[in-house]
PDB file of all heavy atoms in Angstrom:
ATOM      1  N   ARG A   1     -16.612   0.408  10.113  1.00  0.00           N
ATOM      2  CA  ARG A   1     -17.123  -0.861  10.629  1.00  0.00           C
ATOM      3  C   ARG A   1     -16.930  -2.012   9.650  1.00  0.00           C
ATOM      4  O   ARG A   1     -17.881  -2.675   9.230  1.00  0.00           O
ATOM      5  CB  ARG A   1     -18.587  -0.730  11.029  1.00  0.00           C
ATOM      6  CG  ARG A   1     -18.808   0.271  12.133  1.00  0.00           C
ATOM      7  CD  ARG A   1     -20.270   0.378  12.483  1.00  0.00           C
ATOM      8  NE  ARG A   1     -20.463   1.390  13.485  1.00  0.00           N
ATOM      9  CZ  ARG A   1     -20.587   1.148  14.785  1.00  0.00           C
ATOM     10  NH1 ARG A   1     -20.549  -0.075  15.232  1.00  0.00           N
ATOM     11  NH2 ARG A   1     -20.761   2.136  15.637  1.00  0.00           N
ATOM     12  N   ARG A   2     -15.651  -2.245   9.320  1.00  0.00           N
ATOM     13  CA  ARG A   2     -15.327  -3.343   8.413  1.00  0.00           C
ATOM     14  C   ARG A   2     -13.925  -3.852   8.729  1.00  0.00           C
ATOM     15  O   ARG A   2     -13.063  -3.109   9.214  1.00  0.00           O
ATOM     16  CB  ARG A   2     -15.407  -2.902   6.960  1.00  0.00           C
ATOM     17  CG  ARG A   2     -14.397  -1.832   6.599  1.00  0.00           C
ATOM     18  CD  ARG A   2     -14.538  -1.437   5.161  1.00  0.00           C
ATOM     19  NE  ARG A   2     -13.695  -0.276   4.885  1.00  0.00           N
ATOM     20  CZ  ARG A   2     -13.713   0.387   3.768  1.00  0.00           C
ATOM     21  NH1 ARG A   2     -14.523   0.019   2.800  1.00  0.00           N
ATOM     22  NH2 ARG A   2     -12.928   1.418   3.575  1.00  0.00           N
ATOM     23  N   PRO A   3     -13.681  -5.125   8.418  1.00  0.00           N
ATOM     24  CA  PRO A   3     -12.329  -5.656   8.611  1.00  0.00           C
ATOM     25  C   PRO A   3     -11.398  -5.109   7.528  1.00  0.00           C
ATOM     26  O   PRO A   3     -11.828  -4.881   6.388  1.00  0.00           O
ATOM     27  CB  PRO A   3     -12.510  -7.161   8.477  1.00  0.00           C
ATOM     28  CG  PRO A   3     -13.738  -7.329   7.656  1.00  0.00           C
ATOM     29  CD  PRO A   3     -14.609  -6.143   7.946  1.00  0.00           C
ATOM     30  N   VAL A   4     -10.152  -4.868   7.891  1.00  0.00           N
ATOM     31  CA  VAL A   4      -9.150  -4.380   6.950  1.00  0.00           C
ATOM     32  C   VAL A   4      -7.832  -5.104   7.208  1.00  0.00           C
ATOM     33  O   VAL A   4      -7.643  -5.720   8.260  1.00  0.00           O
ATOM     34  CB  VAL A   4      -8.923  -2.851   7.068  1.00  0.00           C
ATOM     35  CG1 VAL A   4     -10.166  -2.078   6.674  1.00  0.00           C
ATOM     36  CG2 VAL A   4      -8.459  -2.472   8.467  1.00  0.00           C
ATOM     37  N   ALA A   5      -6.947  -5.016   6.257  1.00  0.00           N
ATOM     38  CA  ALA A   5      -5.569  -5.481   6.425  1.00  0.00           C
ATOM     39  C   ALA A   5      -4.692  -4.238   6.491  1.00  0.00           C
ATOM     40  O   ALA A   5      -4.888  -3.288   5.736  1.00  0.00           O
ATOM     41  CB  ALA A   5      -5.147  -6.354   5.255  1.00  0.00           C
ATOM     42  N   ILE A   6      -3.744  -4.238   7.420  1.00  0.00           N
ATOM     43  CA  ILE A   6      -2.826  -3.107   7.540  1.00  0.00           C
ATOM     44  C   ILE A   6      -1.414  -3.626   7.324  1.00  0.00           C
ATOM     45  O   ILE A   6      -0.952  -4.503   8.041  1.00  0.00           O
ATOM     46  CB  ILE A   6      -2.940  -2.424   8.915  1.00  0.00           C
ATOM     47  CG1 ILE A   6      -4.361  -1.902   9.115  1.00  0.00           C
ATOM     48  CG2 ILE A   6      -1.913  -1.295   9.019  1.00  0.00           C
ATOM     49  CD1 ILE A   6      -4.589  -1.266  10.454  1.00  0.00           C
ATOM     50  N   LYS A   7      -0.769  -3.089   6.303  1.00  0.00           N
ATOM     51  CA  LYS A   7       0.600  -3.468   5.987  1.00  0.00           C
ATOM     52  C   LYS A   7       1.521  -2.427   6.601  1.00  0.00           C
ATOM     53  O   LYS A   7       1.448  -1.249   6.258  1.00  0.00           O
ATOM     54  CB  LYS A   7       0.787  -3.517   4.471  1.00  0.00           C
ATOM     55  CG  LYS A   7       2.116  -4.000   3.990  1.00  0.00           C
ATOM     56  CD  LYS A   7       2.096  -3.995   2.460  1.00  0.00           C
ATOM     57  CE  LYS A   7       3.191  -4.812   1.854  1.00  0.00           C
ATOM     58  NZ  LYS A   7       3.083  -4.802   0.375  1.00  0.00           N
ATOM     59  N   GLN A   8       2.362  -2.848   7.537  1.00  0.00           N
ATOM     60  CA  GLN A   8       3.296  -1.941   8.196  1.00  0.00           C
ATOM     61  C   GLN A   8       4.686  -2.154   7.639  1.00  0.00           C
ATOM     62  O   GLN A   8       5.157  -3.287   7.535  1.00  0.00           O
ATOM     63  CB  GLN A   8       3.336  -2.190   9.697  1.00  0.00           C
ATOM     64  CG  GLN A   8       4.353  -1.334  10.403  1.00  0.00           C
ATOM     65  CD  GLN A   8       4.598  -1.754  11.842  1.00  0.00           C
ATOM     66  OE1 GLN A   8       4.286  -2.859  12.232  1.00  0.00           O
ATOM     67  NE2 GLN A   8       5.153  -0.866  12.612  1.00  0.00           N
ATOM     68  N   VAL A   9       5.333  -1.064   7.276  1.00  0.00           N
ATOM     69  CA  VAL A   9       6.718  -1.121   6.840  1.00  0.00           C
ATOM     70  C   VAL A   9       7.557  -0.483   7.932  1.00  0.00           C
ATOM     71  O   VAL A   9       7.240   0.594   8.428  1.00  0.00           O
ATOM     72  CB  VAL A   9       6.912  -0.392   5.495  1.00  0.00           C
ATOM     73  CG1 VAL A   9       8.368  -0.415   5.083  1.00  0.00           C
ATOM     74  CG2 VAL A   9       6.053  -1.045   4.433  1.00  0.00           C
ATOM     75  N   ARG A  10       8.591  -1.157   8.331  1.00  0.00           N
ATOM     76  CA  ARG A  10       9.425  -0.679   9.438  1.00  0.00           C
ATOM     77  C   ARG A  10       9.974   0.720   9.206  1.00  0.00           C
ATOM     78  O   ARG A  10      10.288   1.113   8.091  1.00  0.00           O
ATOM     79  CB  ARG A  10      10.574  -1.656   9.650  1.00  0.00           C
ATOM     80  CG  ARG A  10      10.104  -3.005  10.148  1.00  0.00           C
ATOM     81  CD  ARG A  10      11.257  -3.969  10.290  1.00  0.00           C
ATOM     82  NE  ARG A  10      11.945  -4.227   9.019  1.00  0.00           N
ATOM     83  CZ  ARG A  10      11.543  -5.133   8.143  1.00  0.00           C
ATOM     84  NH1 ARG A  10      10.468  -5.842   8.371  1.00  0.00           N
ATOM     85  NH2 ARG A  10      12.216  -5.328   7.033  1.00  0.00           N
ATOM     86  N   ALA A  11      10.110   1.474  10.290  1.00  0.00           N
ATOM     87  CA  ALA A  11      10.587   2.859  10.226  1.00  0.00           C
ATOM     88  C   ALA A  11      11.973   2.959   9.603  1.00  0.00           C
ATOM     89  O   ALA A  11      12.270   3.919   8.898  1.00  0.00           O
ATOM     90  CB  ALA A  11      10.585   3.478  11.622  1.00  0.00           C
ATOM     91  N   GLU A  12      12.832   1.964   9.836  1.00  0.00           N
ATOM     92  CA  GLU A  12      14.191   2.040   9.287  1.00  0.00           C
ATOM     93  C   GLU A  12      14.214   1.970   7.765  1.00  0.00           C
ATOM     94  O   GLU A  12      15.188   2.353   7.141  1.00  0.00           O
ATOM     95  CB  GLU A  12      15.095   0.960   9.887  1.00  0.00           C
ATOM     96  CG  GLU A  12      14.657  -0.454   9.621  1.00  0.00           C
ATOM     97  CD  GLU A  12      13.767  -1.040  10.712  1.00  0.00           C
ATOM     98  OE1 GLU A  12      13.227  -0.278  11.522  1.00  0.00           O
ATOM     99  OE2 GLU A  12      13.602  -2.261  10.732  1.00  0.00           O
ATOM    100  N   SER A  13      13.133   1.518   7.162  1.00  0.00           N
ATOM    101  CA  SER A  13      13.088   1.454   5.702  1.00  0.00           C
ATOM    102  C   SER A  13      12.711   2.783   5.079  1.00  0.00           C
ATOM    103  O   SER A  13      12.767   2.938   3.869  1.00  0.00           O
ATOM    104  CB  SER A  13      12.105   0.378   5.255  1.00  0.00           C
ATOM    105  OG  SER A  13      10.791   0.747   5.595  1.00  0.00           O
ATOM    106  N   ARG A  14      12.336   3.752   5.883  1.00  0.00           N
ATOM    107  CA  ARG A  14      11.921   5.048   5.354  1.00  0.00           C
ATOM    108  C   ARG A  14      13.002   5.731   4.526  1.00  0.00           C
ATOM    109  O   ARG A  14      12.695   6.420   3.576  1.00  0.00           O
ATOM    110  CB  ARG A  14      11.534   5.976   6.501  1.00  0.00           C
ATOM    111  CG  ARG A  14      10.168   5.752   6.980  1.00  0.00           C
ATOM    112  CD  ARG A  14       9.815   6.876   7.876  1.00  0.00           C
ATOM    113  NE  ARG A  14       8.375   6.946   7.903  1.00  0.00           N
ATOM    114  CZ  ARG A  14       7.710   7.607   8.796  1.00  0.00           C
ATOM    115  NH1 ARG A  14       8.336   8.268   9.721  1.00  0.00           N
ATOM    116  NH2 ARG A  14       6.408   7.626   8.756  1.00  0.00           N
ATOM    117  N   SER A  15      14.241   5.583   4.910  1.00  0.00           N
ATOM    118  CA  SER A  15      15.316   6.269   4.201  1.00  0.00           C
ATOM    119  C   SER A  15      15.758   5.509   2.951  1.00  0.00           C
ATOM    120  O   SER A  15      16.598   5.971   2.226  1.00  0.00           O
ATOM    121  CB  SER A  15      16.504   6.476   5.134  1.00  0.00           C
ATOM    122  OG  SER A  15      16.965   5.230   5.585  1.00  0.00           O
ATOM    123  N   SER A  16      15.194   4.378   2.712  1.00  0.00           N
ATOM    124  CA  SER A  16      15.601   3.563   1.570  1.00  0.00           C
ATOM    125  C   SER A  16      14.613   3.684   0.410  1.00  0.00           C
ATOM    126  O   SER A  16      13.577   4.333   0.507  1.00  0.00           O
ATOM    127  CB  SER A  16      15.700   2.103   1.995  1.00  0.00           C
ATOM    128  OG  SER A  16      14.411   1.585   2.217  1.00  0.00           O
ATOM    129  N   LYS A  17      14.948   3.003  -0.650  1.00  0.00           N
ATOM    130  CA  LYS A  17      14.068   2.965  -1.823  1.00  0.00           C
ATOM    131  C   LYS A  17      12.788   2.201  -1.522  1.00  0.00           C
ATOM    132  O   LYS A  17      11.805   2.324  -2.229  1.00  0.00           O
ATOM    133  CB  LYS A  17      14.791   2.343  -3.002  1.00  0.00           C
ATOM    134  CG  LYS A  17      15.926   3.192  -3.516  1.00  0.00           C
ATOM    135  CD  LYS A  17      16.592   2.551  -4.706  1.00  0.00           C
ATOM    136  CE  LYS A  17      17.736   3.429  -5.176  1.00  0.00           C
ATOM    137  NZ  LYS A  17      18.414   2.859  -6.325  1.00  0.00           N
ATOM    138  N   LEU A  18      12.812   1.396  -0.461  1.00  0.00           N
ATOM    139  CA  LEU A  18      11.641   0.617  -0.071  1.00  0.00           C
ATOM    140  C   LEU A  18      10.455   1.522   0.245  1.00  0.00           C
ATOM    141  O   LEU A  18       9.325   1.229  -0.128  1.00  0.00           O
ATOM    142  CB  LEU A  18      11.987  -0.240   1.145  1.00  0.00           C
ATOM    143  CG  LEU A  18      11.058  -1.367   1.503  1.00  0.00           C
ATOM    144  CD1 LEU A  18      10.903  -2.332   0.341  1.00  0.00           C
ATOM    145  CD2 LEU A  18      11.601  -2.112   2.710  1.00  0.00           C
ATOM    146  N   HIS A  19      10.728   2.628   0.909  1.00  0.00           N
ATOM    147  CA  HIS A  19       9.685   3.606   1.250  1.00  0.00           C
ATOM    148  C   HIS A  19       9.019   4.128  -0.020  1.00  0.00           C
ATOM    149  O   HIS A  19       7.797   4.121  -0.135  1.00  0.00           O
ATOM    150  CB  HIS A  19      10.297   4.756   2.045  1.00  0.00           C
ATOM    151  CG  HIS A  19       9.390   5.923   2.228  1.00  0.00           C
ATOM    152  ND1 HIS A  19       8.396   5.938   3.182  1.00  0.00           N
ATOM    153  CD2 HIS A  19       9.303   7.107   1.580  1.00  0.00           C
ATOM    154  CE1 HIS A  19       7.758   7.094   3.116  1.00  0.00           C
ATOM    155  NE2 HIS A  19       8.282   7.805   2.153  1.00  0.00           N
ATOM    156  N   GLU A  20       9.819   4.538  -0.981  1.00  0.00           N
ATOM    157  CA  GLU A  20       9.280   5.064  -2.239  1.00  0.00           C
ATOM    158  C   GLU A  20       8.506   3.991  -2.993  1.00  0.00           C
ATOM    159  O   GLU A  20       7.454   4.261  -3.566  1.00  0.00           O
ATOM    160  CB  GLU A  20      10.414   5.599  -3.111  1.00  0.00           C
ATOM    161  CG  GLU A  20      11.091   6.823  -2.534  1.00  0.00           C
ATOM    162  CD  GLU A  20      12.309   7.223  -3.342  1.00  0.00           C
ATOM    163  OE1 GLU A  20      12.404   6.834  -4.529  1.00  0.00           O
ATOM    164  OE2 GLU A  20      13.168   7.916  -2.774  1.00  0.00           O
ATOM    165  N   ARG A  21       9.042   2.778  -2.999  1.00  0.00           N
ATOM    166  CA  ARG A  21       8.369   1.680  -3.697  1.00  0.00           C
ATOM    167  C   ARG A  21       7.015   1.374  -3.087  1.00  0.00           C
ATOM    168  O   ARG A  21       6.028   1.148  -3.795  1.00  0.00           O
ATOM    169  CB  ARG A  21       9.258   0.440  -3.676  1.00  0.00           C
ATOM    170  CG  ARG A  21       8.716  -0.659  -4.548  1.00  0.00           C
ATOM    171  CD  ARG A  21       9.657  -1.829  -4.572  1.00  0.00           C
ATOM    172  NE  ARG A  21       8.954  -2.928  -3.922  1.00  0.00           N
ATOM    173  CZ  ARG A  21       9.530  -3.972  -3.406  1.00  0.00           C
ATOM    174  NH1 ARG A  21      10.838  -4.065  -3.403  1.00  0.00           N
ATOM    175  NH2 ARG A  21       8.830  -4.924  -2.858  1.00  0.00           N
ATOM    176  N   LEU A  22       6.959   1.370  -1.758  1.00  0.00           N
ATOM    177  CA  LEU A  22       5.698   1.122  -1.063  1.00  0.00           C
ATOM    178  C   LEU A  22       4.647   2.142  -1.451  1.00  0.00           C
ATOM    179  O   LEU A  22       3.512   1.798  -1.756  1.00  0.00           O
ATOM    180  CB  LEU A  22       5.922   1.145   0.451  1.00  0.00           C
ATOM    181  CG  LEU A  22       4.647   1.020   1.279  1.00  0.00           C
ATOM    182  CD1 LEU A  22       4.239  -0.437   1.363  1.00  0.00           C
ATOM    183  CD2 LEU A  22       4.855   1.593   2.653  1.00  0.00           C
ATOM    184  N   TRP A  23       5.023   3.414  -1.446  1.00  0.00           N
ATOM    185  CA  TRP A  23       4.058   4.470  -1.777  1.00  0.00           C
ATOM    186  C   TRP A  23       3.620   4.398  -3.235  1.00  0.00           C
ATOM    187  O   TRP A  23       2.448   4.573  -3.546  1.00  0.00           O
ATOM    188  CB  TRP A  23       4.633   5.839  -1.416  1.00  0.00           C
ATOM    189  CG  TRP A  23       4.550   6.040   0.060  1.00  0.00           C
ATOM    190  CD1 TRP A  23       5.379   5.518   1.006  1.00  0.00           C
ATOM    191  CD2 TRP A  23       3.529   6.734   0.773  1.00  0.00           C
ATOM    192  NE1 TRP A  23       4.950   5.871   2.261  1.00  0.00           N
ATOM    193  CE2 TRP A  23       3.829   6.616   2.154  1.00  0.00           C
ATOM    194  CE3 TRP A  23       2.415   7.452   0.389  1.00  0.00           C
ATOM    195  CZ2 TRP A  23       3.023   7.187   3.130  1.00  0.00           C
ATOM    196  CZ3 TRP A  23       1.629   8.026   1.372  1.00  0.00           C
ATOM    197  CH2 TRP A  23       1.928   7.895   2.721  1.00  0.00           C
ATOM    198  N   ARG A  24       4.560   4.103  -4.140  1.00  0.00           N
ATOM    199  CA  ARG A  24       4.184   3.957  -5.557  1.00  0.00           C
ATOM    200  C   ARG A  24       3.245   2.771  -5.748  1.00  0.00           C
ATOM    201  O   ARG A  24       2.269   2.852  -6.491  1.00  0.00           O
ATOM    202  CB  ARG A  24       5.438   3.772  -6.425  1.00  0.00           C
ATOM    203  CG  ARG A  24       6.113   5.047  -6.806  1.00  0.00           C
ATOM    204  CD  ARG A  24       7.093   4.853  -7.962  1.00  0.00           C
ATOM    205  NE  ARG A  24       7.970   3.699  -7.805  1.00  0.00           N
ATOM    206  CZ  ARG A  24       9.144   3.709  -7.201  1.00  0.00           C
ATOM    207  NH1 ARG A  24       9.597   4.816  -6.668  1.00  0.00           N
ATOM    208  NH2 ARG A  24       9.862   2.607  -7.121  1.00  0.00           N
ATOM    209  N   GLU A  25       3.543   1.676  -5.054  1.00  0.00           N
ATOM    210  CA  GLU A  25       2.691   0.484  -5.135  1.00  0.00           C
ATOM    211  C   GLU A  25       1.279   0.795  -4.655  1.00  0.00           C
ATOM    212  O   GLU A  25       0.297   0.435  -5.305  1.00  0.00           O
ATOM    213  CB  GLU A  25       3.299  -0.622  -4.269  1.00  0.00           C
ATOM    214  CG  GLU A  25       2.425  -1.841  -4.098  1.00  0.00           C
ATOM    215  CD  GLU A  25       2.957  -2.792  -3.031  1.00  0.00           C
ATOM    216  OE1 GLU A  25       4.188  -2.871  -2.843  1.00  0.00           O
ATOM    217  OE2 GLU A  25       2.138  -3.454  -2.385  1.00  0.00           O
ATOM    218  N   ALA A  26       1.157   1.474  -3.542  1.00  0.00           N
ATOM    219  CA  ALA A  26      -0.157   1.805  -2.985  1.00  0.00           C
ATOM    220  C   ALA A  26      -0.911   2.780  -3.890  1.00  0.00           C
ATOM    221  O   ALA A  26      -2.109   2.626  -4.115  1.00  0.00           O
ATOM    222  CB  ALA A  26       0.000   2.398  -1.593  1.00  0.00           C
ATOM    223  N   GLN A  27      -0.224   3.773  -4.405  1.00  0.00           N
ATOM    224  CA  GLN A  27      -0.872   4.749  -5.283  1.00  0.00           C
ATOM    225  C   GLN A  27      -1.336   4.098  -6.584  1.00  0.00           C
ATOM    226  O   GLN A  27      -2.433   4.379  -7.065  1.00  0.00           O
ATOM    227  CB  GLN A  27       0.075   5.913  -5.567  1.00  0.00           C
ATOM    228  CG  GLN A  27       0.290   6.778  -4.339  1.00  0.00           C
ATOM    229  CD  GLN A  27       1.455   7.738  -4.486  1.00  0.00           C
ATOM    230  OE1 GLN A  27       2.330   7.551  -5.339  1.00  0.00           O
ATOM    231  NE2 GLN A  27       1.475   8.752  -3.651  1.00  0.00           N
ATOM    232  N   ALA A  28      -0.524   3.213  -7.149  1.00  0.00           N
ATOM    233  CA  ALA A  28      -0.911   2.529  -8.378  1.00  0.00           C
ATOM    234  C   ALA A  28      -2.105   1.608  -8.128  1.00  0.00           C
ATOM    235  O   ALA A  28      -3.059   1.588  -8.910  1.00  0.00           O
ATOM    236  CB  ALA A  28       0.267   1.728  -8.928  1.00  0.00           C
ATOM    237  N   ALA A  29      -2.079   0.865  -7.035  1.00  0.00           N
ATOM    238  CA  ALA A  29      -3.184  -0.045  -6.715  1.00  0.00           C
ATOM    239  C   ALA A  29      -4.474   0.719  -6.451  1.00  0.00           C
ATOM    240  O   ALA A  29      -5.560   0.246  -6.794  1.00  0.00           O
ATOM    241  CB  ALA A  29      -2.828  -0.911  -5.503  1.00  0.00           C
ATOM    242  N   ALA A  30      -4.371   1.894  -5.865  1.00  0.00           N
ATOM    243  CA  ALA A  30      -5.562   2.691  -5.561  1.00  0.00           C
ATOM    244  C   ALA A  30      -6.264   3.176  -6.832  1.00  0.00           C
ATOM    245  O   ALA A  30      -7.462   3.452  -6.817  1.00  0.00           O
ATOM    246  CB  ALA A  30      -5.190   3.886  -4.687  1.00  0.00           C
ATOM    247  N   LEU A  31      -5.539   3.255  -7.932  1.00  0.00           N
ATOM    248  CA  LEU A  31      -6.123   3.708  -9.199  1.00  0.00           C
ATOM    249  C   LEU A  31      -6.849   2.594  -9.948  1.00  0.00           C
ATOM    250  O   LEU A  31      -7.593   2.859 -10.883  1.00  0.00           O
ATOM    251  CB  LEU A  31      -5.034   4.288 -10.106  1.00  0.00           C
ATOM    252  CG  LEU A  31      -4.362   5.560  -9.602  1.00  0.00           C
ATOM    253  CD1 LEU A  31      -3.189   5.918 -10.511  1.00  0.00           C
ATOM    254  CD2 LEU A  31      -5.360   6.697  -9.518  1.00  0.00           C
ATOM    255  N   LEU A  32      -6.620   1.357  -9.527  1.00  0.00           N
ATOM    256  CA  LEU A  32      -7.188   0.211 -10.233  1.00  0.00           C
ATOM    257  C   LEU A  32      -8.453  -0.289  -9.556  1.00  0.00           C
ATOM    258  O   LEU A  32      -8.596  -0.202  -8.344  1.00  0.00           O
ATOM    259  CB  LEU A  32      -6.162  -0.918 -10.287  1.00  0.00           C
ATOM    260  CG  LEU A  32      -4.835  -0.563 -10.952  1.00  0.00           C
ATOM    261  CD1 LEU A  32      -3.849  -1.700 -10.778  1.00  0.00           C
ATOM    262  CD2 LEU A  32      -5.031  -0.230 -12.418  1.00  0.00           C
ATOM    263  N   ASP A  33      -9.363  -0.810 -10.362  1.00  0.00           N
ATOM    264  CA  ASP A  33     -10.587  -1.382  -9.825  1.00  0.00           C
ATOM    265  C   ASP A  33     -10.868  -2.684 -10.576  1.00  0.00           C
ATOM    266  O   ASP A  33     -11.306  -2.670 -11.732  1.00  0.00           O
ATOM    267  CB  ASP A  33     -11.749  -0.404  -9.990  1.00  0.00           C
ATOM    268  CG  ASP A  33     -13.020  -0.901  -9.340  1.00  0.00           C
ATOM    269  OD1 ASP A  33     -12.941  -1.772  -8.455  1.00  0.00           O
ATOM    270  OD2 ASP A  33     -14.100  -0.413  -9.718  1.00  0.00           O
ATOM    271  N   HIS A  34     -10.549  -3.780  -9.908  1.00  0.00           N
ATOM    272  CA  HIS A  34     -10.734  -5.095 -10.511  1.00  0.00           C
ATOM    273  C   HIS A  34     -10.952  -6.096  -9.382  1.00  0.00           C
ATOM    274  O   HIS A  34     -10.353  -5.960  -8.319  1.00  0.00           O
ATOM    275  CB  HIS A  34      -9.496  -5.474 -11.330  1.00  0.00           C
ATOM    276  CG  HIS A  34      -9.675  -6.715 -12.126  1.00  0.00           C
ATOM    277  ND1 HIS A  34      -9.478  -7.977 -11.597  1.00  0.00           N
ATOM    278  CD2 HIS A  34     -10.039  -6.899 -13.413  1.00  0.00           C
ATOM    279  CE1 HIS A  34      -9.710  -8.886 -12.526  1.00  0.00           C
ATOM    280  NE2 HIS A  34     -10.048  -8.263 -13.634  1.00  0.00           N
ATOM    281  N   PRO A  35     -11.807  -7.100  -9.578  1.00  0.00           N
ATOM    282  CA  PRO A  35     -12.082  -8.069  -8.511  1.00  0.00           C
ATOM    283  C   PRO A  35     -10.842  -8.818  -8.005  1.00  0.00           C
ATOM    284  O   PRO A  35     -10.831  -9.306  -6.883  1.00  0.00           O
ATOM    285  CB  PRO A  35     -13.060  -9.052  -9.145  1.00  0.00           C
ATOM    286  CG  PRO A  35     -13.593  -8.390 -10.357  1.00  0.00           C
ATOM    287  CD  PRO A  35     -12.603  -7.355 -10.777  1.00  0.00           C
ATOM    288  N   ASN A  36      -9.794  -8.910  -8.806  1.00  0.00           N
ATOM    289  CA  ASN A  36      -8.591  -9.641  -8.409  1.00  0.00           C
ATOM    290  C   ASN A  36      -7.485  -8.746  -7.843  1.00  0.00           C
ATOM    291  O   ASN A  36      -6.370  -9.209  -7.642  1.00  0.00           O
ATOM    292  CB  ASN A  36      -8.035 -10.441  -9.583  1.00  0.00           C
ATOM    293  CG  ASN A  36      -8.987 -11.526 -10.026  1.00  0.00           C
ATOM    294  OD1 ASN A  36      -9.797 -12.007  -9.241  1.00  0.00           O
ATOM    295  ND2 ASN A  36      -8.923 -11.904 -11.280  1.00  0.00           N
ATOM    296  N   ILE A  37      -7.791  -7.476  -7.618  1.00  0.00           N
ATOM    297  CA  ILE A  37      -6.816  -6.538  -7.064  1.00  0.00           C
ATOM    298  C   ILE A  37      -7.355  -5.997  -5.750  1.00  0.00           C
ATOM    299  O   ILE A  37      -8.499  -5.532  -5.678  1.00  0.00           O
ATOM    300  CB  ILE A  37      -6.533  -5.376  -8.038  1.00  0.00           C
ATOM    301  CG1 ILE A  37      -5.956  -5.923  -9.345  1.00  0.00           C
ATOM    302  CG2 ILE A  37      -5.586  -4.361  -7.402  1.00  0.00           C
ATOM    303  CD1 ILE A  37      -5.767  -4.889 -10.420  1.00  0.00           C
ATOM    304  N   VAL A  38      -6.536  -6.062  -4.716  1.00  0.00           N
ATOM    305  CA  VAL A  38      -6.933  -5.569  -3.395  1.00  0.00           C
ATOM    306  C   VAL A  38      -7.132  -4.057  -3.444  1.00  0.00           C
ATOM    307  O   VAL A  38      -6.329  -3.331  -4.023  1.00  0.00           O
ATOM    308  CB  VAL A  38      -5.840  -5.922  -2.355  1.00  0.00           C
ATOM    309  CG1 VAL A  38      -6.123  -5.284  -1.023  1.00  0.00           C
ATOM    310  CG2 VAL A  38      -5.718  -7.416  -2.212  1.00  0.00           C
ATOM    311  N   HIS A  39      -8.216  -3.582  -2.831  1.00  0.00           N
ATOM    312  CA  HIS A  39      -8.480  -2.143  -2.765  1.00  0.00           C
ATOM    313  C   HIS A  39      -7.641  -1.501  -1.668  1.00  0.00           C
ATOM    314  O   HIS A  39      -7.570  -2.017  -0.548  1.00  0.00           O
ATOM    315  CB  HIS A  39      -9.963  -1.879  -2.483  1.00  0.00           C
ATOM    316  CG  HIS A  39     -10.845  -2.269  -3.618  1.00  0.00           C
ATOM    317  ND1 HIS A  39     -11.586  -3.412  -3.612  1.00  0.00           N
ATOM    318  CD2 HIS A  39     -11.077  -1.663  -4.812  1.00  0.00           C
ATOM    319  CE1 HIS A  39     -12.260  -3.502  -4.742  1.00  0.00           C
ATOM    320  NE2 HIS A  39     -11.957  -2.468  -5.487  1.00  0.00           N
ATOM    321  N   VAL A  40      -7.019  -0.377  -1.981  1.00  0.00           N
ATOM    322  CA  VAL A  40      -6.249   0.388  -0.999  1.00  0.00           C
ATOM    323  C   VAL A  40      -7.157   1.482  -0.462  1.00  0.00           C
ATOM    324  O   VAL A  40      -7.752   2.240  -1.219  1.00  0.00           O
ATOM    325  CB  VAL A  40      -4.985   1.000  -1.641  1.00  0.00           C
ATOM    326  CG1 VAL A  40      -4.278   1.919  -0.654  1.00  0.00           C
ATOM    327  CG2 VAL A  40      -4.052  -0.107  -2.098  1.00  0.00           C
ATOM    328  N   TYR A  41      -7.276   1.545   0.870  1.00  0.00           N
ATOM    329  CA  TYR A  41      -8.160   2.516   1.508  1.00  0.00           C
ATOM    330  C   TYR A  41      -7.428   3.747   2.026  1.00  0.00           C
ATOM    331  O   TYR A  41      -7.983   4.842   2.056  1.00  0.00           O
ATOM    332  CB  TYR A  41      -8.905   1.874   2.677  1.00  0.00           C
ATOM    333  CG  TYR A  41      -9.792   0.719   2.295  1.00  0.00           C
ATOM    334  CD1 TYR A  41      -9.870  -0.396   3.104  1.00  0.00           C
ATOM    335  CD2 TYR A  41     -10.564   0.734   1.137  1.00  0.00           C
ATOM    336  CE1 TYR A  41     -10.694  -1.467   2.778  1.00  0.00           C
ATOM    337  CE2 TYR A  41     -11.387  -0.333   0.800  1.00  0.00           C
ATOM    338  CZ  TYR A  41     -11.444  -1.431   1.638  1.00  0.00           C
ATOM    339  OH  TYR A  41     -12.253  -2.484   1.309  1.00  0.00           O
ATOM    340  N   ASP A  42      -6.166   3.584   2.464  1.00  0.00           N
ATOM    341  CA  ASP A  42      -5.466   4.724   3.069  1.00  0.00           C
ATOM    342  C   ASP A  42      -3.970   4.464   3.117  1.00  0.00           C
ATOM    343  O   ASP A  42      -3.531   3.316   3.112  1.00  0.00           O
ATOM    344  CB  ASP A  42      -5.986   4.947   4.489  1.00  0.00           C
ATOM    345  CG  ASP A  42      -5.694   6.340   5.036  1.00  0.00           C
ATOM    346  OD1 ASP A  42      -5.155   7.189   4.290  1.00  0.00           O
ATOM    347  OD2 ASP A  42      -6.024   6.581   6.209  1.00  0.00           O
TER     348      ASP A  42
END
């Protein structure tokens, strides 16, 4: 019961380095806790 932002990456990017970069970005952000960094939920 809260508002969220959902970032969608197109399916055609899955086979590219973009897919890997997205997952690394999300995993790195999920490890950080700072008021100026967006929290990753899923």
